Amino acid sequence: MLIEGYIDDELVGDQKVHYANVVSDKWWTYASVTLTVGDEKYDRPGNVAIPDTGTSLALLADDLCEKIYAKIPGAKYAPSCVD
């Protein structure tokens, strides 16, 4: 599947633009088989992701959330919204 778009070079500047192949025609799903937190890389074989550029929401496994929060000074991981 090829989905074309436009990259505004003035907004991007010298930053490298990264692309991912879409692996489903139902959702904009792509393979997301690794996660890097700081200088640590975690393998996630078979994992897929659905990007939603209109939100800051990210749905991750609890163990990955804990690893991310552990790298943020003062951050506290709450496994639900009511904690």
N, C-alpha and C. Protein backbone atom coordinates (compact mmCIF):
# COMPACT_ATOMS: atom_id res chain seq x y z
N MET A 1 0.85 -1.16 0.00
CA MET A 1 0.00 0.00 0.00
C MET A 1 0.90 1.23 0.00
N LEU A 2 0.61 2.19 -0.82
CA LEU A 2 1.36 3.43 -0.89
C LEU A 2 0.44 4.58 -0.54
N ILE A 3 0.80 5.30 0.49
CA ILE A 3 0.04 6.48 0.88
C ILE A 3 0.99 7.66 0.73
N GLU A 4 0.63 8.56 -0.13
CA GLU A 4 1.52 9.69 -0.40
C GLU A 4 1.12 10.89 0.42
N GLY A 5 2.11 11.69 0.75
CA GLY A 5 1.87 12.91 1.49
C GLY A 5 2.91 13.94 1.10
N TYR A 6 2.88 15.05 1.79
CA TYR A 6 3.78 16.15 1.48
C TYR A 6 4.57 16.50 2.73
N ILE A 7 5.89 16.61 2.61
CA ILE A 7 6.76 17.02 3.70
C ILE A 7 7.21 18.45 3.41
N ASP A 8 6.87 19.36 4.31
CA ASP A 8 7.25 20.76 4.16
C ASP A 8 8.70 20.93 4.64
N ASP A 9 9.62 21.09 3.71
CA ASP A 9 11.04 21.20 4.04
C ASP A 9 11.35 22.38 4.96
N GLU A 10 10.57 23.44 4.88
CA GLU A 10 10.80 24.59 5.76
C GLU A 10 10.50 24.24 7.22
N LEU A 11 9.52 23.39 7.45
CA LEU A 11 9.19 22.99 8.81
C LEU A 11 10.15 21.93 9.34
N VAL A 12 10.59 21.03 8.47
CA VAL A 12 11.45 19.92 8.87
C VAL A 12 12.89 20.37 9.07
N GLY A 13 13.35 21.30 8.22
CA GLY A 13 14.73 21.76 8.31
C GLY A 13 15.70 20.63 8.03
N ASP A 14 16.72 20.50 8.89
CA ASP A 14 17.75 19.48 8.71
C ASP A 14 17.39 18.16 9.39
N GLN A 15 16.22 18.08 10.03
CA GLN A 15 15.83 16.85 10.72
C GLN A 15 15.55 15.74 9.71
N LYS A 16 15.89 14.52 10.09
CA LYS A 16 15.64 13.37 9.23
C LYS A 16 14.20 12.92 9.41
N VAL A 17 13.50 12.71 8.32
CA VAL A 17 12.13 12.21 8.34
C VAL A 17 12.19 10.69 8.26
N HIS A 18 11.47 10.01 9.16
CA HIS A 18 11.46 8.55 9.19
C HIS A 18 10.12 8.05 8.65
N TYR A 19 10.15 6.95 7.96
CA TYR A 19 8.96 6.35 7.38
C TYR A 19 8.78 4.94 7.89
N ALA A 20 7.56 4.46 7.91
CA ALA A 20 7.26 3.08 8.27
C ALA A 20 6.26 2.53 7.26
N ASN A 21 6.44 1.30 6.86
CA ASN A 21 5.50 0.66 5.93
C ASN A 21 4.20 0.34 6.65
N VAL A 22 3.09 0.69 6.03
CA VAL A 22 1.77 0.36 6.56
C VAL A 22 1.52 -1.11 6.26
N VAL A 23 1.12 -1.89 7.30
CA VAL A 23 0.97 -3.33 7.13
C VAL A 23 -0.48 -3.80 7.12
N SER A 24 -1.42 -2.87 7.12
CA SER A 24 -2.84 -3.24 7.10
C SER A 24 -3.60 -2.19 6.30
N ASP A 25 -4.59 -2.63 5.54
CA ASP A 25 -5.40 -1.66 4.80
C ASP A 25 -6.63 -1.24 5.60
N LYS A 26 -6.84 -1.81 6.79
CA LYS A 26 -7.97 -1.43 7.62
C LYS A 26 -7.60 -0.25 8.54
N TRP A 27 -6.44 -0.32 9.16
CA TRP A 27 -5.93 0.73 10.04
C TRP A 27 -4.56 1.14 9.52
N TRP A 28 -4.10 2.28 9.92
CA TRP A 28 -2.74 2.69 9.57
C TRP A 28 -1.79 1.99 10.52
N THR A 29 -1.70 0.67 10.41
CA THR A 29 -0.90 -0.14 11.31
C THR A 29 0.49 -0.34 10.72
N TYR A 30 1.50 -0.28 11.58
CA TYR A 30 2.86 -0.52 11.14
C TYR A 30 3.59 -1.37 12.18
N ALA A 31 4.62 -2.06 11.75
CA ALA A 31 5.42 -2.87 12.66
C ALA A 31 6.18 -1.95 13.61
N SER A 32 6.12 -2.25 14.89
CA SER A 32 6.81 -1.48 15.92
C SER A 32 7.50 -2.48 16.84
N VAL A 33 8.60 -3.04 16.36
CA VAL A 33 9.19 -4.21 17.01
C VAL A 33 10.28 -3.87 18.02
N THR A 34 10.60 -2.60 18.19
CA THR A 34 11.53 -2.20 19.24
C THR A 34 11.05 -0.91 19.88
N LEU A 35 11.47 -0.72 21.12
CA LEU A 35 11.20 0.52 21.85
C LEU A 35 12.52 0.94 22.46
N THR A 36 12.90 2.19 22.28
CA THR A 36 14.11 2.71 22.88
C THR A 36 13.72 3.74 23.92
N VAL A 37 14.21 3.53 25.14
CA VAL A 37 13.97 4.45 26.26
C VAL A 37 15.34 4.89 26.74
N GLY A 38 15.66 6.15 26.51
CA GLY A 38 17.01 6.60 26.84
C GLY A 38 18.00 5.85 25.98
N ASP A 39 18.93 5.17 26.62
CA ASP A 39 19.92 4.40 25.87
C ASP A 39 19.64 2.90 25.89
N GLU A 40 18.46 2.51 26.38
CA GLU A 40 18.10 1.09 26.45
C GLU A 40 17.09 0.75 25.36
N LYS A 41 17.35 -0.37 24.68
CA LYS A 41 16.48 -0.82 23.60
C LYS A 41 15.78 -2.10 24.03
N TYR A 42 14.47 -2.17 23.80
CA TYR A 42 13.67 -3.33 24.16
C TYR A 42 13.06 -3.93 22.90
N ASP A 43 13.28 -5.23 22.71
CA ASP A 43 12.71 -5.92 21.55
C ASP A 43 11.25 -6.27 21.84
N ARG A 44 10.39 -6.06 20.84
CA ARG A 44 8.97 -6.37 20.93
C ARG A 44 8.56 -7.13 19.68
N PRO A 45 9.03 -8.39 19.52
CA PRO A 45 8.76 -9.14 18.30
C PRO A 45 7.26 -9.26 18.02
N GLY A 46 6.88 -9.01 16.79
CA GLY A 46 5.48 -9.15 16.39
C GLY A 46 4.58 -7.99 16.79
N ASN A 47 5.12 -7.00 17.50
CA ASN A 47 4.31 -5.87 17.94
C ASN A 47 3.94 -4.96 16.77
N VAL A 48 2.73 -4.44 16.78
CA VAL A 48 2.30 -3.46 15.78
C VAL A 48 1.77 -2.23 16.51
N ALA A 49 1.74 -1.12 15.80
CA ALA A 49 1.26 0.13 16.36
C ALA A 49 0.31 0.80 15.38
N ILE A 50 -0.59 1.61 15.92
CA ILE A 50 -1.50 2.41 15.11
C ILE A 50 -1.25 3.87 15.49
N PRO A 51 -0.66 4.67 14.61
CA PRO A 51 -0.36 6.05 14.96
C PRO A 51 -1.62 6.91 14.97
N ASP A 52 -1.69 7.80 15.93
CA ASP A 52 -2.77 8.78 15.97
C ASP A 52 -2.13 10.13 16.25
N THR A 53 -1.88 10.88 15.21
CA THR A 53 -1.17 12.14 15.36
C THR A 53 -2.03 13.23 15.98
N GLY A 54 -3.29 12.96 16.21
CA GLY A 54 -4.18 13.96 16.80
C GLY A 54 -4.29 13.86 18.31
N THR A 55 -3.48 13.02 18.94
CA THR A 55 -3.57 12.85 20.38
C THR A 55 -2.20 12.51 20.96
N SER A 56 -2.05 12.67 22.26
CA SER A 56 -0.82 12.27 22.92
C SER A 56 -0.98 10.91 23.59
N LEU A 57 -2.07 10.24 23.32
CA LEU A 57 -2.36 8.94 23.90
C LEU A 57 -1.45 7.87 23.31
N ALA A 58 -0.93 7.02 24.17
CA ALA A 58 -0.15 5.86 23.73
C ALA A 58 -0.56 4.68 24.59
N LEU A 59 -0.94 3.61 23.96
CA LEU A 59 -1.32 2.40 24.67
C LEU A 59 -0.15 1.44 24.61
N LEU A 60 0.42 1.14 25.78
CA LEU A 60 1.58 0.27 25.87
C LEU A 60 1.37 -0.77 26.95
N ALA A 61 2.13 -1.83 26.88
CA ALA A 61 2.12 -2.83 27.94
C ALA A 61 2.61 -2.19 29.24
N ASP A 62 2.09 -2.67 30.37
CA ASP A 62 2.46 -2.10 31.67
C ASP A 62 3.96 -2.08 31.91
N ASP A 63 4.66 -3.15 31.51
CA ASP A 63 6.10 -3.20 31.76
C ASP A 63 6.85 -2.12 30.98
N LEU A 64 6.36 -1.78 29.79
CA LEU A 64 7.00 -0.70 29.02
C LEU A 64 6.71 0.66 29.64
N CYS A 65 5.49 0.85 30.11
CA CYS A 65 5.15 2.11 30.78
C CYS A 65 6.05 2.33 31.99
N GLU A 66 6.26 1.29 32.76
CA GLU A 66 7.11 1.40 33.95
C GLU A 66 8.54 1.78 33.57
N LYS A 67 9.05 1.23 32.47
CA LYS A 67 10.40 1.55 32.01
C LYS A 67 10.51 3.00 31.56
N ILE A 68 9.49 3.49 30.88
CA ILE A 68 9.48 4.88 30.43
C ILE A 68 9.42 5.82 31.63
N TYR A 69 8.49 5.58 32.53
CA TYR A 69 8.34 6.44 33.70
C TYR A 69 9.58 6.42 34.58
N ALA A 70 10.27 5.30 34.65
CA ALA A 70 11.49 5.21 35.46
C ALA A 70 12.58 6.14 34.95
N LYS A 71 12.53 6.50 33.68
CA LYS A 71 13.54 7.39 33.08
C LYS A 71 13.19 8.87 33.22
N ILE A 72 11.99 9.19 33.68
CA ILE A 72 11.55 10.58 33.79
C ILE A 72 11.62 11.01 35.25
N PRO A 73 12.54 11.92 35.59
CA PRO A 73 12.67 12.34 36.99
C PRO A 73 11.35 12.87 37.56
N GLY A 74 10.95 12.34 38.71
CA GLY A 74 9.74 12.79 39.38
C GLY A 74 8.45 12.17 38.86
N ALA A 75 8.52 11.40 37.77
CA ALA A 75 7.31 10.79 37.21
C ALA A 75 6.88 9.62 38.06
N LYS A 76 5.57 9.42 38.14
CA LYS A 76 5.01 8.29 38.87
C LYS A 76 4.07 7.53 37.96
N TYR A 77 4.23 6.23 37.92
CA TYR A 77 3.39 5.38 37.09
C TYR A 77 2.13 5.02 37.87
N ALA A 78 0.98 5.28 37.27
CA ALA A 78 -0.30 4.89 37.86
C ALA A 78 -0.99 3.95 36.87
N PRO A 79 -1.22 2.69 37.25
CA PRO A 79 -1.78 1.73 36.31
C PRO A 79 -3.22 2.01 35.91
N SER A 80 -3.88 2.94 36.56
CA SER A 80 -5.22 3.35 36.13
C SER A 80 -5.39 4.83 36.40
N CYS A 81 -6.42 5.40 35.86
CA CYS A 81 -6.66 6.84 36.01
C CYS A 81 -7.14 7.21 37.41
N VAL A 82 -7.48 6.24 38.23
CA VAL A 82 -8.02 6.56 39.55
C VAL A 82 -6.99 6.45 40.66
N ASP A 83 -5.76 6.04 40.33
CA ASP A 83 -4.71 5.93 41.35
C ASP A 83 -4.11 7.29 41.67
